[in-house]
Amino acid sequence: MNTEKAKIQMRKGILELCILSIIKRGDLYASDIIDELKSAEMIVVEGTLYPLLTRLKNANLLNYRWEESTSGPPRKYYSLTEEGQHFLTELQNSWEELQQTVNRLTQQ
């Protein structure tokens, strides 16, 4: 079995949690989100991020606003909605429970 494929699947499973957690800190442009994910070694390409951001926006978990840029076209900045903040809290709780369960199972 290929461990790299397993790692990719694990990353995909927690990507929403990571993205929402990053956006919670403040309004962000998509490339800022990608940079932060890459610096944390959660490698993501634009082709993965943009559809996910759209899906989160359509689920009313994110808002966006356009802002003029001095170095090019206007930029779309994302922020959490109230529903998105609630969803993030639920994801964080689920993640902590899952971590505890996995730790119990793997440390026996």
N, C-alpha and C. Protein backbone atom coordinates (compact mmCIF):
# COMPACT_ATOMS: atom_id res chain seq x y z
N MET A 1 0.84 -1.18 0.00
CA MET A 1 0.00 0.00 0.00
C MET A 1 0.89 1.24 0.00
N ASN A 2 0.47 2.26 -0.69
CA ASN A 2 1.21 3.50 -0.84
C ASN A 2 0.87 4.47 0.29
N THR A 3 1.83 4.77 1.16
CA THR A 3 1.57 5.68 2.29
C THR A 3 1.30 7.11 1.82
N GLU A 4 1.87 7.49 0.70
CA GLU A 4 1.65 8.85 0.19
C GLU A 4 0.17 9.07 -0.14
N LYS A 5 -0.47 8.06 -0.72
CA LYS A 5 -1.91 8.18 -1.01
C LYS A 5 -2.72 8.31 0.28
N ALA A 6 -2.34 7.58 1.29
CA ALA A 6 -3.03 7.66 2.58
C ALA A 6 -2.86 9.05 3.19
N LYS A 7 -1.66 9.62 3.09
CA LYS A 7 -1.43 10.97 3.62
C LYS A 7 -2.28 12.00 2.88
N ILE A 8 -2.38 11.86 1.58
CA ILE A 8 -3.19 12.78 0.77
C ILE A 8 -4.65 12.71 1.21
N GLN A 9 -5.16 11.52 1.43
CA GLN A 9 -6.55 11.36 1.87
C GLN A 9 -6.76 11.98 3.25
N MET A 10 -5.81 11.83 4.15
CA MET A 10 -5.93 12.44 5.47
C MET A 10 -5.96 13.96 5.37
N ARG A 11 -5.08 14.51 4.53
CA ARG A 11 -5.05 15.97 4.34
C ARG A 11 -6.37 16.47 3.78
N LYS A 12 -6.91 15.77 2.80
CA LYS A 12 -8.19 16.17 2.20
C LYS A 12 -9.29 16.19 3.25
N GLY A 13 -9.24 15.24 4.16
CA GLY A 13 -10.27 15.13 5.18
C GLY A 13 -10.28 16.28 6.17
N ILE A 14 -9.15 16.94 6.36
CA ILE A 14 -9.09 18.02 7.33
C ILE A 14 -8.88 19.39 6.69
N LEU A 15 -8.93 19.44 5.37
CA LEU A 15 -8.67 20.69 4.66
C LEU A 15 -9.69 21.78 5.00
N GLU A 16 -10.98 21.44 5.09
CA GLU A 16 -11.99 22.44 5.44
C GLU A 16 -11.69 23.04 6.80
N LEU A 17 -11.36 22.20 7.77
CA LEU A 17 -11.04 22.67 9.11
C LEU A 17 -9.86 23.65 9.05
N CYS A 18 -8.83 23.30 8.31
CA CYS A 18 -7.66 24.15 8.21
C CYS A 18 -7.98 25.49 7.54
N ILE A 19 -8.71 25.45 6.46
CA ILE A 19 -9.04 26.67 5.72
C ILE A 19 -9.92 27.59 6.56
N LEU A 20 -10.95 27.04 7.18
CA LEU A 20 -11.82 27.87 8.02
C LEU A 20 -11.06 28.44 9.20
N SER A 21 -10.14 27.67 9.77
CA SER A 21 -9.33 28.15 10.89
C SER A 21 -8.43 29.31 10.47
N ILE A 22 -7.89 29.23 9.28
CA ILE A 22 -7.04 30.30 8.76
C ILE A 22 -7.87 31.56 8.53
N ILE A 23 -9.03 31.42 7.91
CA ILE A 23 -9.86 32.57 7.58
C ILE A 23 -10.42 33.21 8.85
N LYS A 24 -10.62 32.43 9.89
CA LYS A 24 -11.15 32.96 11.15
C LYS A 24 -10.26 34.08 11.70
N ARG A 25 -8.98 34.02 11.43
CA ARG A 25 -8.02 35.01 11.96
C ARG A 25 -8.20 36.39 11.32
N GLY A 26 -8.85 36.45 10.17
CA GLY A 26 -9.07 37.73 9.50
C GLY A 26 -9.33 37.53 8.02
N ASP A 27 -9.91 38.54 7.39
CA ASP A 27 -10.21 38.47 5.96
C ASP A 27 -8.93 38.18 5.17
N LEU A 28 -9.03 37.20 4.27
CA LEU A 28 -7.84 36.79 3.52
C LEU A 28 -8.13 36.61 2.04
N TYR A 29 -7.12 36.89 1.27
CA TYR A 29 -7.10 36.67 -0.16
C TYR A 29 -6.69 35.21 -0.39
N ALA A 30 -7.18 34.60 -1.45
CA ALA A 30 -6.94 33.17 -1.70
C ALA A 30 -5.45 32.82 -1.71
N SER A 31 -4.63 33.66 -2.32
CA SER A 31 -3.20 33.33 -2.36
C SER A 31 -2.58 33.36 -0.96
N ASP A 32 -3.12 34.20 -0.05
CA ASP A 32 -2.64 34.20 1.33
C ASP A 32 -2.97 32.87 2.01
N ILE A 33 -4.15 32.34 1.72
CA ILE A 33 -4.57 31.05 2.28
C ILE A 33 -3.64 29.95 1.77
N ILE A 34 -3.37 29.95 0.48
CA ILE A 34 -2.48 28.96 -0.12
C ILE A 34 -1.09 29.05 0.51
N ASP A 35 -0.58 30.28 0.66
CA ASP A 35 0.75 30.47 1.25
C ASP A 35 0.81 29.90 2.66
N GLU A 36 -0.23 30.16 3.45
CA GLU A 36 -0.23 29.66 4.82
C GLU A 36 -0.31 28.13 4.86
N LEU A 37 -1.14 27.56 3.99
CA LEU A 37 -1.23 26.10 3.93
C LEU A 37 0.10 25.49 3.52
N LYS A 38 0.75 26.09 2.53
CA LYS A 38 2.05 25.58 2.08
C LYS A 38 3.10 25.70 3.17
N SER A 39 3.10 26.81 3.90
CA SER A 39 4.11 26.98 4.95
C SER A 39 3.90 25.97 6.08
N ALA A 40 2.67 25.49 6.23
CA ALA A 40 2.38 24.45 7.23
C ALA A 40 2.51 23.05 6.64
N GLU A 41 3.01 22.98 5.41
CA GLU A 41 3.20 21.73 4.69
C GLU A 41 1.89 20.99 4.40
N MET A 42 0.80 21.76 4.27
CA MET A 42 -0.49 21.24 3.80
C MET A 42 -0.59 21.69 2.34
N ILE A 43 0.20 21.09 1.49
CA ILE A 43 0.34 21.54 0.12
C ILE A 43 -0.99 21.48 -0.60
N VAL A 44 -1.39 22.64 -1.13
CA VAL A 44 -2.66 22.76 -1.85
C VAL A 44 -2.40 23.62 -3.08
N VAL A 45 -3.02 23.26 -4.18
CA VAL A 45 -2.90 24.05 -5.40
C VAL A 45 -4.19 24.85 -5.58
N GLU A 46 -4.12 25.89 -6.40
CA GLU A 46 -5.29 26.73 -6.63
C GLU A 46 -6.48 25.92 -7.14
N GLY A 47 -6.21 24.92 -7.95
CA GLY A 47 -7.28 24.10 -8.51
C GLY A 47 -8.04 23.32 -7.45
N THR A 48 -7.44 23.15 -6.29
CA THR A 48 -8.11 22.50 -5.16
C THR A 48 -8.81 23.54 -4.29
N LEU A 49 -8.14 24.67 -4.06
CA LEU A 49 -8.66 25.67 -3.13
C LEU A 49 -9.90 26.38 -3.65
N TYR A 50 -9.88 26.87 -4.88
CA TYR A 50 -10.99 27.68 -5.36
C TYR A 50 -12.33 26.95 -5.38
N PRO A 51 -12.41 25.71 -5.83
CA PRO A 51 -13.70 25.01 -5.75
C PRO A 51 -14.16 24.81 -4.31
N LEU A 52 -13.22 24.58 -3.40
CA LEU A 52 -13.57 24.41 -2.00
C LEU A 52 -14.10 25.73 -1.42
N LEU A 53 -13.45 26.84 -1.73
CA LEU A 53 -13.93 28.14 -1.27
C LEU A 53 -15.33 28.43 -1.81
N THR A 54 -15.56 28.09 -3.06
CA THR A 54 -16.89 28.29 -3.66
C THR A 54 -17.93 27.44 -2.96
N ARG A 55 -17.59 26.20 -2.67
CA ARG A 55 -18.53 25.31 -1.98
C ARG A 55 -18.84 25.84 -0.58
N LEU A 56 -17.83 26.31 0.13
CA LEU A 56 -18.04 26.88 1.46
C LEU A 56 -18.88 28.15 1.39
N LYS A 57 -18.66 28.96 0.36
CA LYS A 57 -19.47 30.18 0.16
C LYS A 57 -20.91 29.81 -0.13
N ASN A 58 -21.13 28.82 -0.99
CA ASN A 58 -22.49 28.40 -1.34
C ASN A 58 -23.22 27.77 -0.16
N ALA A 59 -22.47 27.23 0.79
CA ALA A 59 -23.06 26.65 2.00
C ALA A 59 -23.28 27.72 3.07
N ASN A 60 -23.04 28.98 2.73
CA ASN A 60 -23.21 30.12 3.64
C ASN A 60 -22.24 30.08 4.83
N LEU A 61 -21.07 29.48 4.62
CA LEU A 61 -20.06 29.43 5.67
C LEU A 61 -19.03 30.55 5.50
N LEU A 62 -18.95 31.09 4.28
CA LEU A 62 -18.03 32.17 3.96
C LEU A 62 -18.74 33.30 3.24
N ASN A 63 -18.24 34.51 3.44
CA ASN A 63 -18.60 35.68 2.64
C ASN A 63 -17.35 36.09 1.89
N TYR A 64 -17.52 36.92 0.88
CA TYR A 64 -16.35 37.52 0.26
C TYR A 64 -16.69 38.95 -0.13
N ARG A 65 -15.63 39.72 -0.27
CA ARG A 65 -15.77 41.10 -0.73
C ARG A 65 -14.64 41.38 -1.71
N TRP A 66 -14.92 42.25 -2.67
CA TRP A 66 -13.90 42.64 -3.63
C TRP A 66 -13.19 43.88 -3.12
N GLU A 67 -11.88 43.90 -3.29
CA GLU A 67 -11.11 45.07 -2.88
C GLU A 67 -10.14 45.42 -4.00
N GLU A 68 -10.07 46.69 -4.32
CA GLU A 68 -9.15 47.15 -5.35
C GLU A 68 -7.72 46.87 -4.94
N SER A 69 -6.89 46.55 -5.91
CA SER A 69 -5.48 46.27 -5.66
C SER A 69 -4.64 47.28 -6.42
N THR A 70 -3.57 47.74 -5.81
CA THR A 70 -2.66 48.67 -6.48
C THR A 70 -1.75 47.96 -7.47
N SER A 71 -1.69 46.62 -7.36
CA SER A 71 -0.76 45.87 -8.21
C SER A 71 -1.46 44.92 -9.18
N GLY A 72 -2.70 45.23 -9.54
CA GLY A 72 -3.40 44.36 -10.49
C GLY A 72 -4.90 44.45 -10.33
N PRO A 73 -5.59 43.41 -10.77
CA PRO A 73 -7.05 43.43 -10.71
C PRO A 73 -7.57 43.37 -9.27
N PRO A 74 -8.84 43.68 -9.07
CA PRO A 74 -9.41 43.60 -7.71
C PRO A 74 -9.24 42.20 -7.14
N ARG A 75 -9.15 42.13 -5.81
CA ARG A 75 -8.96 40.86 -5.14
C ARG A 75 -10.20 40.50 -4.33
N LYS A 76 -10.47 39.21 -4.25
CA LYS A 76 -11.60 38.70 -3.48
C LYS A 76 -11.07 38.26 -2.11
N TYR A 77 -11.59 38.89 -1.06
CA TYR A 77 -11.19 38.56 0.30
C TYR A 77 -12.31 37.79 0.98
N TYR A 78 -11.95 36.69 1.64
CA TYR A 78 -12.92 35.80 2.28
C TYR A 78 -12.97 36.05 3.79
N SER A 79 -14.18 35.88 4.35
CA SER A 79 -14.37 35.96 5.80
C SER A 79 -15.42 34.94 6.20
N LEU A 80 -15.41 34.57 7.49
CA LEU A 80 -16.39 33.61 7.99
C LEU A 80 -17.73 34.30 8.25
N THR A 81 -18.80 33.61 7.96
CA THR A 81 -20.12 34.06 8.37
C THR A 81 -20.35 33.59 9.80
N GLU A 82 -21.45 34.01 10.39
CA GLU A 82 -21.79 33.52 11.72
C GLU A 82 -22.00 32.00 11.67
N GLU A 83 -22.65 31.53 10.62
CA GLU A 83 -22.85 30.10 10.45
C GLU A 83 -21.52 29.38 10.26
N GLY A 84 -20.59 30.03 9.55
CA GLY A 84 -19.27 29.46 9.35
C GLY A 84 -18.50 29.34 10.66
N GLN A 85 -18.65 30.33 11.54
CA GLN A 85 -17.99 30.28 12.84
C GLN A 85 -18.54 29.12 13.67
N HIS A 86 -19.86 28.94 13.62
CA HIS A 86 -20.48 27.83 14.36
C HIS A 86 -20.01 26.49 13.80
N PHE A 87 -19.98 26.37 12.47
CA PHE A 87 -19.54 25.15 11.82
C PHE A 87 -18.08 24.84 12.18
N LEU A 88 -17.24 25.87 12.19
CA LEU A 88 -15.83 25.70 12.55
C LEU A 88 -15.70 25.17 13.98
N THR A 89 -16.48 25.71 14.89
CA THR A 89 -16.45 25.23 16.28
C THR A 89 -16.81 23.75 16.34
N GLU A 90 -17.84 23.36 15.59
CA GLU A 90 -18.24 21.95 15.56
C GLU A 90 -17.13 21.08 14.96
N LEU A 91 -16.49 21.56 13.89
CA LEU A 91 -15.38 20.80 13.29
C LEU A 91 -14.22 20.66 14.27
N GLN A 92 -13.90 21.73 14.98
CA GLN A 92 -12.80 21.68 15.94
C GLN A 92 -13.10 20.67 17.05
N ASN A 93 -14.33 20.66 17.53
CA ASN A 93 -14.72 19.69 18.56
C ASN A 93 -14.62 18.26 18.03
N SER A 94 -15.09 18.05 16.80
CA SER A 94 -15.02 16.72 16.19
C SER A 94 -13.57 16.30 16.00
N TRP A 95 -12.71 17.23 15.59
CA TRP A 95 -11.30 16.94 15.39
C TRP A 95 -10.65 16.52 16.71
N GLU A 96 -10.94 17.25 17.78
CA GLU A 96 -10.36 16.90 19.09
C GLU A 96 -10.82 15.52 19.54
N GLU A 97 -12.08 15.20 19.36
CA GLU A 97 -12.58 13.87 19.72
C GLU A 97 -11.89 12.79 18.89
N LEU A 98 -11.75 13.04 17.61
CA LEU A 98 -11.11 12.07 16.72
C LEU A 98 -9.64 11.88 17.10
N GLN A 99 -8.95 12.97 17.40
CA GLN A 99 -7.55 12.88 17.83
C GLN A 99 -7.42 12.01 19.08
N GLN A 100 -8.28 12.25 20.04
CA GLN A 100 -8.22 11.48 21.29
C GLN A 100 -8.47 10.00 21.01
N THR A 101 -9.44 9.71 20.16
CA THR A 101 -9.76 8.32 19.84
C THR A 101 -8.59 7.65 19.13
N VAL A 102 -8.03 8.32 18.14
CA VAL A 102 -6.90 7.76 17.40
C VAL A 102 -5.71 7.56 18.34
N ASN A 103 -5.45 8.53 19.19
CA ASN A 103 -4.34 8.39 20.15
C ASN A 103 -4.55 7.19 21.06
N ARG A 104 -5.77 7.00 21.56
CA ARG A 104 -6.04 5.84 22.41
C ARG A 104 -5.80 4.53 21.66
N LEU A 105 -6.25 4.48 20.42
CA LEU A 105 -6.14 3.24 19.65
C LEU A 105 -4.70 2.94 19.22
N THR A 106 -3.95 3.97 18.91
CA THR A 106 -2.61 3.75 18.40
C THR A 106 -1.55 3.64 19.48
N GLN A 107 -1.90 3.98 20.71
CA GLN A 107 -0.92 3.92 21.80
C GLN A 107 -1.13 2.71 22.71
N GLN A 108 -1.88 1.76 22.25
CA GLN A 108 -2.13 0.55 23.05
C GLN A 108 -1.21 -0.56 22.61
